[in-house]
Amino acid sequence: MGASPRIIRAALLVAAAIALAAAAVQLREKYQTGEQAVEDIQAQLDALDPATRAAVIAKLSSDEVKKVRGRHR
């Protein structure tokens, strides 16, 4: 005798719920890692003198503009 469709459906729902919970945990961990990276970068920028900080931000901005322009070609 095979498993009833109700049991199969319930098992699939449980498996989907477990997969969703695991994905949520991974997403939260990645978000926290990203937040920590942003805080570290901000702390490093804050430690620079104003002229050096401005030069670094200008260079980073210039690099990002080049990347964006390169994608549109």
C-alpha atoms as a PDB file:
ATOM      1  CA  MET A   1       0.000   0.000   0.000  1.00  0.00           C
ATOM      2  CA  GLY A   2       1.448   3.398  -1.010  1.00  0.00           C
ATOM      3  CA  ALA A   3       1.552   6.535   1.032  1.00  0.00           C
ATOM      4  CA  SER A   4      -1.580   8.583   0.832  1.00  0.00           C
ATOM      5  CA  PRO A   5      -1.483  11.858  -1.097  1.00  0.00           C
ATOM      6  CA  ARG A   6      -2.093  13.741   2.167  1.00  0.00           C
ATOM      7  CA  ILE A   7       1.045  12.301   3.756  1.00  0.00           C
ATOM      8  CA  ILE A   8       3.090  13.065   0.661  1.00  0.00           C
ATOM      9  CA  ARG A   9       1.732  16.630   0.536  1.00  0.00           C
ATOM     10  CA  ALA A  10       2.481  17.136   4.238  1.00  0.00           C
ATOM     11  CA  ALA A  11       6.015  15.806   3.807  1.00  0.00           C
ATOM     12  CA  LEU A  12       6.603  18.146   0.882  1.00  0.00           C
ATOM     13  CA  LEU A  13       5.292  21.102   2.864  1.00  0.00           C
ATOM     14  CA  VAL A  14       7.572  20.250   5.787  1.00  0.00           C
ATOM     15  CA  ALA A  15      10.554  19.936   3.436  1.00  0.00           C
ATOM     16  CA  ALA A  16       9.713  23.282   1.832  1.00  0.00           C
ATOM     17  CA  ALA A  17       9.405  24.939   5.250  1.00  0.00           C
ATOM     18  CA  ILE A  18      12.799  23.556   6.293  1.00  0.00           C
ATOM     19  CA  ALA A  19      14.390  24.775   3.050  1.00  0.00           C
ATOM     20  CA  LEU A  20      12.835  28.210   3.510  1.00  0.00           C
ATOM     21  CA  ALA A  21      14.085  28.438   7.087  1.00  0.00           C
ATOM     22  CA  ALA A  22      17.607  27.447   5.992  1.00  0.00           C
ATOM     23  CA  ALA A  23      17.546  30.061   3.237  1.00  0.00           C
ATOM     24  CA  ALA A  24      16.423  32.716   5.720  1.00  0.00           C
ATOM     25  CA  VAL A  25      19.300  31.866   8.052  1.00  0.00           C
ATOM     26  CA  GLN A  26      21.822  32.085   5.202  1.00  0.00           C
ATOM     27  CA  LEU A  27      20.378  35.398   4.048  1.00  0.00           C
ATOM     28  CA  ARG A  28      20.576  36.822   7.555  1.00  0.00           C
ATOM     29  CA  GLU A  29      24.213  35.718   7.867  1.00  0.00           C
ATOM     30  CA  LYS A  30      25.123  37.297   4.527  1.00  0.00           C
ATOM     31  CA  TYR A  31      23.348  40.507   5.502  1.00  0.00           C
ATOM     32  CA  GLN A  32      25.249  40.650   8.790  1.00  0.00           C
ATOM     33  CA  THR A  33      28.538  40.001   6.979  1.00  0.00           C
ATOM     34  CA  GLY A  34      27.751  42.836   4.582  1.00  0.00           C
ATOM     35  CA  GLU A  35      26.839  45.172   7.410  1.00  0.00           C
ATOM     36  CA  GLN A  36      30.123  44.369   9.163  1.00  0.00           C
ATOM     37  CA  ALA A  37      32.085  45.039   5.969  1.00  0.00           C
ATOM     38  CA  VAL A  38      30.364  48.420   5.578  1.00  0.00           C
ATOM     39  CA  GLU A  39      31.159  49.323   9.186  1.00  0.00           C
ATOM     40  CA  ASP A  40      34.810  48.296   8.735  1.00  0.00           C
ATOM     41  CA  ILE A  41      35.157  50.355   5.557  1.00  0.00           C
ATOM     42  CA  GLN A  42      33.490  53.350   7.197  1.00  0.00           C
ATOM     43  CA  ALA A  43      35.837  53.094  10.172  1.00  0.00           C
ATOM     44  CA  GLN A  44      38.849  52.963   7.855  1.00  0.00           C
ATOM     45  CA  LEU A  45      37.614  56.010   5.935  1.00  0.00           C
ATOM     46  CA  ASP A  46      36.926  57.885   9.170  1.00  0.00           C
ATOM     47  CA  ALA A  47      40.502  57.227  10.295  1.00  0.00           C
ATOM     48  CA  LEU A  48      41.906  59.038   7.249  1.00  0.00           C
ATOM     49  CA  ASP A  49      42.661  62.743   7.200  1.00  0.00           C
ATOM     50  CA  PRO A  50      40.088  64.776   5.214  1.00  0.00           C
ATOM     51  CA  ALA A  51      42.254  65.276   2.101  1.00  0.00           C
ATOM     52  CA  THR A  52      43.168  61.597   1.852  1.00  0.00           C
ATOM     53  CA  ARG A  53      39.566  60.569   2.500  1.00  0.00           C
ATOM     54  CA  ALA A  54      38.363  62.836  -0.311  1.00  0.00           C
ATOM     55  CA  ALA A  55      40.976  61.388  -2.683  1.00  0.00           C
ATOM     56  CA  VAL A  56      40.002  57.816  -1.817  1.00  0.00           C
ATOM     57  CA  ILE A  57      36.294  58.496  -2.292  1.00  0.00           C
ATOM     58  CA  ALA A  58      36.971  60.279  -5.597  1.00  0.00           C
ATOM     59  CA  LYS A  59      39.027  57.312  -6.826  1.00  0.00           C
ATOM     60  CA  LEU A  60      36.378  54.788  -5.779  1.00  0.00           C
ATOM     61  CA  SER A  61      33.669  56.866  -7.443  1.00  0.00           C
ATOM     62  CA  SER A  62      35.694  57.178 -10.634  1.00  0.00           C
ATOM     63  CA  ASP A  63      36.299  53.419 -10.717  1.00  0.00           C
ATOM     64  CA  GLU A  64      32.578  52.704 -10.308  1.00  0.00           C
ATOM     65  CA  VAL A  65      31.645  55.139 -13.081  1.00  0.00           C
ATOM     66  CA  LYS A  66      34.099  53.370 -15.387  1.00  0.00           C
ATOM     67  CA  LYS A  67      32.545  50.001 -14.511  1.00  0.00           C
ATOM     68  CA  VAL A  68      29.030  51.255 -15.224  1.00  0.00           C
ATOM     69  CA  ARG A  69      30.051  52.850 -18.516  1.00  0.00           C
ATOM     70  CA  GLY A  70      31.864  49.656 -19.504  1.00  0.00           C
ATOM     71  CA  ARG A  71      28.704  47.588 -19.003  1.00  0.00           C
ATOM     72  CA  HIS A  72      26.664  49.790 -21.308  1.00  0.00           C
ATOM     73  CA  ARG A  73      28.931  49.309 -24.300  1.00  0.00           C
END
